[in-house]
Amino acid sequence: MQVFKVFLKTAKKFLPMNLMFFVIFCAIAIASSNYNTDPDQSAFQVVSMDVGIVDKDNSKTSLELRNYLETMHHMISLNYEKETLLDGLFYRTLDYVLILPEGFEKRLLNQEEELFETVQIPGIYSSAFVDEQVNSYIRTLKLYLSGGFSLDETLLHTKESLNSSSNQVNILELKEDNKNSDSMTSIYFFYQFLAYVILSMILCGLTPILIIFWEENLAKRISCSSTSLLRRNFEIALGSIVYCLFIWLLFIFTSRIFYGSEVFAGQGLLWIANSFLLVPVGISISLIIGCFAPTGSGINALNNIITLGMSFLCGVFVPHQQLGESVLSVSKYFPIYWYIKNNDLVLNYGKESFEMKEYWNNFGIQILYGAAIFAVALAVSKFKSSRQKS
């Protein structure tokens, strides 16, 4: 097993690069887990803003509009001085300024448009909520006025209508079956991005080792030894398998540490089985790249083109639902597409949309793709070795 031992020693030289990929991925996994399991991230919060109002009309309607906004925001009366308004917005003492011009109520009764003006901080999207609240009040007023109500009746009904509907949030209690959905989602994202990381680590770590053993002078020296060509290839293949299985198992146990025993039950086992097929795919692609004997920078360039290209096309970084039909039709020719499809399918485990038959169909397609890529790798390797002999 001399070739096998040398293979493992050579693999140690590329350990720092792989550790870098591993540490970065773990950091991202921890960050995404905290994001997905933090209840504050999914909670909608009603925030009170500092709203300045310039009321030039001083009518019943403008007063009621101010009172309505005052139930949700901190209202500040202002004079119409341009410098004062701009200074307030610049120094963030004001978030939003509402200007009600003279004749506001009269124009409202006449069902006219553009009844008010606003001054906002550019790029602050929270101002859109105040805009919507003001527009909602105006629309409701116009609705009651169109129904033939008097102004006083309209103001009263609008107040009652908006008070009964504003700030009402219904809290739905999760069923027992869905209480672990946050942890399942975290595991899903872990195995989603695993496709990119494992392939990158295999290509950057395994390909240089194969190039070293396939270097013409070294290959001739090995062939001159007592080690047969069949045994040499067997030990190189064994070293490749051990090396890639180590990377795969490292991530499996890492997911166990991050997410607990749920990884080894139900959905977790299906994700683990699905991720195993990344190993033969990675080895096959490494064999093909190694046959062209690129330099170190060439390996990194090919790695980025292949792994990033497949990740973007096949749904690792962008969900299938957001990809166009033309992109999806192309991505079906890559094994990672079927890996992601299975990954998405397992997320619905236990629901009507999950079908085990479809899971195994996608699983089998990945095996066929792996075998096809491996066959191409063997053909390219044989062609290269025949050229070296000639």
Protein backbone atom coordinates (compact mmCIF):
# COMPACT_ATOMS: atom_id res chain seq x y z
CA MET A 1 0.00 0.00 0.00
CA GLN A 2 2.92 2.32 -0.67
CA VAL A 3 1.08 4.42 -3.25
CA PHE A 4 -1.90 4.75 -0.90
CA LYS A 5 0.32 6.00 1.94
CA VAL A 6 2.00 8.54 -0.35
CA PHE A 7 -1.43 9.66 -1.51
CA LEU A 8 -2.53 10.41 2.06
CA LYS A 9 0.73 12.25 2.81
CA THR A 10 0.24 14.37 -0.28
CA ALA A 11 -3.34 15.08 0.74
CA LYS A 12 -2.10 16.66 3.98
CA LYS A 13 -0.46 19.46 1.96
CA PHE A 14 -3.88 20.61 0.75
CA LEU A 15 -5.49 20.33 4.17
CA PRO A 16 -5.24 24.09 5.02
CA MET A 17 -7.18 25.04 1.89
CA ASN A 18 -9.93 22.57 2.67
CA LEU A 19 -10.05 23.70 6.29
CA MET A 20 -10.60 27.24 5.04
CA PHE A 21 -13.63 26.10 3.02
CA PHE A 22 -14.87 24.12 6.02
CA VAL A 23 -14.55 26.99 8.53
CA ILE A 24 -16.24 29.49 6.19
CA PHE A 25 -19.10 27.11 5.54
CA CYS A 26 -19.58 26.39 9.26
CA ALA A 27 -19.64 30.11 10.01
CA ILE A 28 -22.32 30.64 7.37
CA ALA A 29 -24.30 27.64 8.67
CA ILE A 30 -24.25 28.98 12.23
CA ALA A 31 -25.29 32.45 11.07
CA SER A 32 -28.15 31.11 8.96
CA SER A 33 -29.30 28.86 11.82
CA ASN A 34 -29.48 31.78 14.22
CA TYR A 35 -31.34 33.81 11.61
CA ASN A 36 -33.91 31.12 10.92
CA THR A 37 -34.55 30.25 14.56
CA ASP A 38 -34.72 33.79 15.93
CA PRO A 39 -38.40 34.57 16.55
CA ASP A 40 -37.75 38.29 16.28
CA GLN A 41 -36.73 37.87 12.65
CA SER A 42 -40.19 36.70 11.64
CA ALA A 43 -42.18 39.02 13.89
CA PHE A 44 -43.84 42.07 12.41
CA GLN A 45 -43.39 45.12 14.62
CA VAL A 46 -45.45 48.29 14.39
CA VAL A 47 -43.02 51.17 14.86
CA SER A 48 -44.04 54.67 15.88
CA MET A 49 -42.42 57.37 13.75
CA ASP A 50 -41.78 61.06 14.28
CA VAL A 51 -44.24 62.66 11.86
CA GLY A 52 -44.31 66.42 11.35
CA ILE A 53 -47.57 67.99 10.18
CA VAL A 54 -48.12 71.39 8.60
CA ASP A 55 -51.87 72.09 8.84
CA LYS A 56 -52.75 75.16 6.78
CA ASP A 57 -56.43 74.22 6.57
CA ASN A 58 -57.28 73.90 10.29
CA SER A 59 -60.55 72.21 9.46
CA LYS A 60 -62.49 69.37 11.11
CA THR A 61 -61.15 66.91 8.57
CA SER A 62 -57.50 67.91 8.98
CA LEU A 63 -57.87 67.74 12.77
CA GLU A 64 -59.40 64.24 12.60
CA LEU A 65 -56.64 63.09 10.25
CA ARG A 66 -54.05 64.33 12.73
CA ASN A 67 -55.85 62.57 15.59
CA TYR A 68 -55.93 59.34 13.59
CA LEU A 69 -52.21 59.46 12.88
CA GLU A 70 -51.52 60.36 16.50
CA THR A 71 -52.83 56.95 17.59
CA MET A 72 -49.87 55.36 15.77
CA HIS A 73 -47.13 58.00 15.58
CA HIS A 74 -45.58 60.86 17.45
CA MET A 75 -47.07 63.97 15.81
CA ILE A 76 -45.18 67.28 15.75
CA SER A 77 -46.87 70.53 14.65
CA LEU A 78 -44.71 72.59 12.30
CA ASN A 79 -44.73 75.89 10.50
CA TYR A 80 -44.21 75.81 6.78
CA GLU A 81 -40.57 76.86 6.76
CA LYS A 82 -38.51 74.98 4.21
CA GLU A 83 -35.24 75.17 6.19
CA THR A 84 -36.91 73.87 9.35
CA LEU A 85 -38.42 70.92 7.50
CA LEU A 86 -35.18 70.00 5.73
CA ASP A 87 -33.11 70.34 8.90
CA GLY A 88 -35.52 68.08 10.77
CA LEU A 89 -35.24 65.40 8.10
CA PHE A 90 -31.48 65.77 7.76
CA TYR A 91 -30.79 65.41 11.49
CA ARG A 92 -33.41 62.64 11.76
CA THR A 93 -35.57 64.50 14.28
CA LEU A 94 -38.36 63.94 11.77
CA ASP A 95 -39.07 60.80 9.74
CA TYR A 96 -41.90 62.16 7.63
CA VAL A 97 -43.62 65.52 7.01
CA LEU A 98 -47.29 65.79 5.99
CA ILE A 99 -48.45 69.12 4.51
CA LEU A 100 -52.20 69.80 4.39
CA PRO A 101 -52.75 72.89 2.19
CA GLU A 102 -55.44 75.48 2.64
CA GLY A 103 -58.72 74.25 1.18
CA PHE A 104 -57.90 70.62 1.98
CA GLU A 105 -61.40 69.86 3.32
CA LYS A 106 -63.17 71.66 0.48
CA ARG A 107 -61.20 69.79 -2.17
CA LEU A 108 -61.95 66.52 -0.38
CA LEU A 109 -65.69 67.22 -0.49
CA ASN A 110 -65.34 67.86 -4.21
CA GLN A 111 -63.67 64.42 -4.60
CA GLU A 112 -60.51 66.00 -6.01
CA GLU A 113 -57.14 64.25 -6.23
CA GLU A 114 -53.72 65.26 -4.81
CA LEU A 115 -55.10 66.62 -1.56
CA PHE A 116 -51.82 66.77 0.38
CA GLU A 117 -48.05 66.98 0.03
CA THR A 118 -45.29 65.04 1.76
CA VAL A 119 -41.59 65.50 2.43
CA GLN A 120 -39.64 62.30 3.07
CA ILE A 121 -36.10 61.09 3.59
CA PRO A 122 -34.89 59.48 0.34
CA GLY A 123 -34.34 55.73 0.60
CA ILE A 124 -36.29 55.30 3.89
CA TYR A 125 -38.97 52.77 3.03
CA SER A 126 -40.76 53.04 6.38
CA SER A 127 -42.23 56.31 5.08
CA ALA A 128 -44.34 54.20 2.71
CA PHE A 129 -46.31 52.91 5.73
CA VAL A 130 -47.27 56.45 6.74
CA ASP A 131 -48.19 57.18 3.13
CA GLU A 132 -50.45 54.15 3.09
CA GLN A 133 -52.09 55.12 6.39
CA VAL A 134 -52.84 58.64 5.14
CA ASN A 135 -54.12 57.34 1.80
CA SER A 136 -56.26 54.74 3.58
CA TYR A 137 -57.87 57.46 5.68
CA ILE A 138 -58.55 59.62 2.63
CA ARG A 139 -60.00 56.68 0.65
CA THR A 140 -62.31 55.79 3.51
CA LEU A 141 -63.51 59.39 3.78
CA LYS A 142 -64.25 59.52 0.06
CA LEU A 143 -66.09 56.19 0.26
CA TYR A 144 -68.50 57.43 2.92
CA LEU A 145 -68.94 60.79 1.20
CA SER A 146 -69.84 58.96 -2.02
CA GLY A 147 -72.45 57.06 -0.04
CA GLY A 148 -74.29 60.28 0.74
CA PHE A 149 -73.20 60.75 4.36
CA SER A 150 -72.69 64.22 5.76
CA LEU A 151 -69.20 65.39 6.71
CA ASP A 152 -69.76 64.83 10.44
CA GLU A 153 -71.19 61.35 9.83
CA THR A 154 -68.33 60.58 7.45
CA LEU A 155 -65.69 61.57 10.02
CA LEU A 156 -67.41 59.48 12.71
CA HIS A 157 -67.85 56.37 10.56
CA THR A 158 -64.28 56.65 9.22
CA LYS A 159 -62.91 56.83 12.75
CA GLU A 160 -64.91 53.79 13.86
CA SER A 161 -64.04 51.83 10.73
CA LEU A 162 -60.30 52.43 10.90
CA ASN A 163 -60.08 51.99 14.67
CA SER A 164 -61.74 48.58 14.39
CA SER A 165 -59.35 47.37 11.68
CA SER A 166 -55.99 49.02 12.46
CA ASN A 167 -53.27 47.26 14.35
CA GLN A 168 -55.26 44.04 14.58
CA VAL A 169 -53.05 40.98 14.21
CA ASN A 170 -54.32 37.43 14.52
CA ILE A 171 -51.78 35.04 16.04
CA LEU A 172 -52.03 31.50 14.74
CA GLU A 173 -50.76 28.80 17.06
CA LEU A 174 -48.58 26.21 15.39
CA LYS A 175 -49.60 22.58 15.50
CA GLU A 176 -47.42 20.08 17.30
CA ASP A 177 -46.20 18.62 13.99
CA ASN A 178 -44.79 21.98 12.91
CA LYS A 179 -42.95 23.04 16.07
CA ASN A 180 -39.66 21.75 14.76
CA SER A 181 -40.02 23.48 11.38
CA ASP A 182 -37.34 26.05 12.23
CA SER A 183 -34.72 23.40 12.95
CA MET A 184 -35.74 21.45 9.83
CA THR A 185 -35.36 24.61 7.76
CA SER A 186 -31.86 25.14 9.17
CA ILE A 187 -30.88 21.57 8.27
CA TYR A 188 -32.37 22.10 4.80
CA PHE A 189 -30.18 25.16 4.16
CA PHE A 190 -27.15 23.29 5.51
CA TYR A 191 -27.54 20.52 2.96
CA GLN A 192 -28.60 22.97 0.26
CA PHE A 193 -25.27 24.82 0.32
CA LEU A 194 -23.36 21.61 1.00
CA ALA A 195 -23.49 20.86 -2.73
CA TYR A 196 -21.29 23.86 -3.52
CA VAL A 197 -18.88 23.39 -0.60
CA ILE A 198 -18.24 19.65 -0.98
CA LEU A 199 -17.65 19.93 -4.72
CA SER A 200 -15.30 22.88 -4.19
CA MET A 201 -13.32 21.02 -1.51
CA ILE A 202 -13.04 17.86 -3.61
CA LEU A 203 -12.02 19.71 -6.76
CA CYS A 204 -9.49 21.94 -5.00
CA GLY A 205 -8.10 19.13 -2.85
CA LEU A 206 -8.29 15.98 -4.95
CA THR A 207 -7.44 17.34 -8.41
CA PRO A 208 -3.90 18.56 -7.52
CA ILE A 209 -3.12 15.18 -5.95
CA LEU A 210 -4.23 13.32 -9.08
CA ILE A 211 -2.16 15.65 -11.25
CA ILE A 212 0.93 14.87 -9.14
CA PHE A 213 0.47 11.11 -9.61
CA TRP A 214 -0.28 11.49 -13.31
CA GLU A 215 2.77 13.63 -13.95
CA GLU A 216 4.64 11.89 -16.76
CA ASN A 217 8.03 11.42 -15.05
CA LEU A 218 6.51 10.24 -11.76
CA ALA A 219 4.17 7.86 -13.55
CA LYS A 220 7.11 6.33 -15.41
CA ARG A 221 9.11 5.88 -12.20
CA ILE A 222 6.15 4.16 -10.55
CA SER A 223 5.70 1.90 -13.57
CA CYS A 224 9.36 0.88 -13.30
CA SER A 225 8.81 -0.29 -9.70
CA SER A 226 7.40 -3.60 -8.58
CA THR A 227 3.96 -1.99 -8.25
CA SER A 228 1.76 -3.00 -11.16
CA LEU A 229 -0.31 -0.46 -13.07
CA LEU A 230 -3.52 -2.09 -11.86
CA ARG A 231 -2.41 -1.92 -8.22
CA ARG A 232 -1.24 1.67 -8.60
CA ASN A 233 -4.59 2.74 -10.02
CA PHE A 234 -6.41 0.76 -7.33
CA GLU A 235 -4.50 2.48 -4.51
CA ILE A 236 -4.99 5.92 -6.09
CA ALA A 237 -8.72 5.19 -6.41
CA LEU A 238 -8.82 3.95 -2.82
CA GLY A 239 -7.04 7.09 -1.62
CA SER A 240 -9.48 9.27 -3.56
CA ILE A 241 -12.47 7.50 -2.06
CA VAL A 242 -11.07 7.69 1.50
CA TYR A 243 -10.19 11.36 1.05
CA CYS A 244 -13.65 12.31 -0.26
CA LEU A 245 -15.50 10.15 2.25
CA PHE A 246 -13.55 11.90 5.03
CA ILE A 247 -14.78 15.28 3.73
CA TRP A 248 -18.35 14.02 3.48
CA LEU A 249 -18.34 12.45 6.96
CA LEU A 250 -16.81 15.62 8.38
CA PHE A 251 -19.87 17.58 7.25
CA ILE A 252 -22.31 14.90 8.37
CA PHE A 253 -20.94 14.93 11.93
CA THR A 254 -20.80 18.72 11.83
CA SER A 255 -24.51 18.82 11.03
CA ARG A 256 -25.07 16.43 13.95
CA ILE A 257 -23.23 18.84 16.27
CA PHE A 258 -25.15 21.87 14.97
CA TYR A 259 -28.65 20.42 14.80
CA GLY A 260 -28.73 17.47 17.20
CA SER A 261 -30.25 14.02 16.81
CA GLU A 262 -32.87 15.21 14.27
CA VAL A 263 -30.20 14.88 11.58
CA PHE A 264 -30.20 11.10 11.98
CA ALA A 265 -33.98 10.64 11.86
CA GLY A 266 -36.68 11.06 9.21
CA GLN A 267 -35.90 13.96 6.94
CA GLY A 268 -32.30 14.15 8.10
CA LEU A 269 -31.48 10.64 6.90
CA LEU A 270 -32.97 11.40 3.48
CA TRP A 271 -30.83 14.55 3.21
CA ILE A 272 -27.73 12.58 4.27
CA ALA A 273 -28.39 9.85 1.70
CA ASN A 274 -28.93 12.47 -0.98
CA SER A 275 -25.70 14.29 -0.08
CA PHE A 276 -23.65 11.07 -0.37
CA LEU A 277 -24.08 11.16 -4.15
CA LEU A 278 -22.05 14.37 -4.25
CA VAL A 279 -18.94 12.27 -3.51
CA PRO A 280 -18.85 10.19 -6.75
CA VAL A 281 -19.82 13.27 -8.77
CA GLY A 282 -16.96 15.25 -7.25
CA ILE A 283 -14.45 12.42 -7.82
CA SER A 284 -15.51 12.03 -11.46
CA ILE A 285 -15.22 15.74 -12.20
CA SER A 286 -11.79 15.80 -10.50
CA LEU A 287 -10.64 12.93 -12.73
CA ILE A 288 -11.65 14.85 -15.86
CA ILE A 289 -9.97 18.08 -14.73
CA GLY A 290 -6.85 16.19 -13.66
CA CYS A 291 -6.44 14.75 -17.14
CA PHE A 292 -5.78 18.22 -18.53
CA ALA A 293 -3.02 18.84 -15.94
CA PRO A 294 -3.74 22.53 -15.29
CA THR A 295 -1.64 24.69 -12.98
CA GLY A 296 -2.72 25.63 -9.46
CA SER A 297 -4.39 28.83 -10.63
CA GLY A 298 -5.98 26.90 -13.48
CA ILE A 299 -7.52 24.44 -11.03
CA ASN A 300 -9.00 27.28 -8.98
CA ALA A 301 -10.40 28.91 -12.11
CA LEU A 302 -12.00 25.68 -13.32
CA ASN A 303 -13.30 25.00 -9.81
CA ASN A 304 -15.01 28.38 -9.67
CA ILE A 305 -16.47 28.03 -13.16
CA ILE A 306 -17.83 24.53 -12.53
CA THR A 307 -19.04 24.79 -8.93
CA LEU A 308 -20.38 28.35 -9.07
CA GLY A 309 -21.86 27.80 -12.51
CA MET A 310 -23.75 24.67 -11.44
CA SER A 311 -24.76 26.26 -8.12
CA PHE A 312 -26.37 29.26 -9.79
CA LEU A 313 -27.93 27.29 -12.64
CA CYS A 314 -29.17 24.35 -10.60
CA GLY A 315 -30.74 26.12 -7.62
CA VAL A 316 -28.14 26.05 -4.84
CA PHE A 317 -28.07 29.84 -4.49
CA VAL A 318 -31.31 30.72 -6.27
CA PRO A 319 -34.46 28.61 -5.64
CA HIS A 320 -35.96 26.71 -8.56
CA GLN A 321 -39.15 28.77 -8.22
CA GLN A 322 -37.23 31.93 -9.10
CA LEU A 323 -35.40 30.49 -12.09
CA GLY A 324 -36.80 30.86 -15.57
CA GLU A 325 -38.01 27.93 -17.65
CA SER A 326 -35.07 28.26 -20.06
CA VAL A 327 -32.58 28.12 -17.17
CA LEU A 328 -34.29 25.11 -15.63
CA SER A 329 -34.34 23.28 -18.96
CA VAL A 330 -30.55 23.70 -19.15
CA SER A 331 -29.91 22.88 -15.47
CA LYS A 332 -31.62 19.49 -15.83
CA TYR A 333 -28.50 18.30 -17.65
CA PHE A 334 -26.45 18.67 -14.45
CA PRO A 335 -26.59 16.28 -11.47
CA ILE A 336 -26.82 19.13 -8.95
CA TYR A 337 -30.28 20.04 -10.31
CA TRP A 338 -31.61 16.65 -9.21
CA TYR A 339 -29.79 16.93 -5.88
CA ILE A 340 -31.53 20.26 -5.17
CA LYS A 341 -34.85 18.88 -6.39
CA ASN A 342 -34.56 16.06 -3.86
CA ASN A 343 -33.46 18.50 -1.19
CA ASP A 344 -36.58 20.59 -1.77
CA LEU A 345 -38.74 17.48 -1.85
CA VAL A 346 -37.50 16.24 1.53
CA LEU A 347 -38.43 19.59 3.10
CA ASN A 348 -42.08 18.54 2.58
CA TYR A 349 -41.53 15.15 4.25
CA GLY A 350 -44.72 13.92 5.93
CA LYS A 351 -46.97 16.12 3.77
CA GLU A 352 -49.13 15.21 0.79
CA SER A 353 -46.67 16.85 -1.62
CA PHE A 354 -43.90 14.41 -0.61
CA GLU A 355 -43.58 11.21 -2.61
CA MET A 356 -40.92 8.65 -1.80
CA LYS A 357 -41.11 7.31 -5.35
CA GLU A 358 -40.12 10.70 -6.74
CA TYR A 359 -37.27 10.89 -4.22
CA TRP A 360 -35.82 7.57 -5.41
CA ASN A 361 -36.32 8.54 -9.06
CA ASN A 362 -34.24 11.69 -8.52
CA PHE A 363 -31.75 9.62 -6.53
CA GLY A 364 -31.38 7.17 -9.41
CA ILE A 365 -30.92 9.99 -11.93
CA GLN A 366 -28.03 11.31 -9.83
CA ILE A 367 -26.43 7.86 -9.81
CA LEU A 368 -26.72 7.64 -13.60
CA TYR A 369 -25.17 11.10 -13.99
CA GLY A 370 -22.33 10.12 -11.66
CA ALA A 371 -21.72 6.93 -13.64
CA ALA A 372 -21.82 8.82 -16.95
CA ILE A 373 -19.33 11.43 -15.75
CA PHE A 374 -17.09 8.69 -14.37
CA ALA A 375 -17.20 6.87 -17.73
CA VAL A 376 -16.19 10.07 -19.50
CA ALA A 377 -13.36 10.51 -16.99
CA LEU A 378 -12.08 6.98 -17.66
CA ALA A 379 -12.26 7.54 -21.43
CA VAL A 380 -10.32 10.80 -21.18
CA SER A 381 -7.78 9.21 -18.84
CA LYS A 382 -7.24 6.28 -21.21
CA PHE A 383 -6.85 8.62 -24.17
CA LYS A 384 -4.26 10.67 -22.29
CA SER A 385 -2.28 7.60 -21.19
CA SER A 386 -2.28 6.23 -24.75
CA ARG A 387 -0.88 9.54 -26.03
CA GLN A 388 1.86 9.47 -23.39
CA LYS A 389 2.91 5.97 -24.45
CA SER A 390 3.06 6.98 -28.09
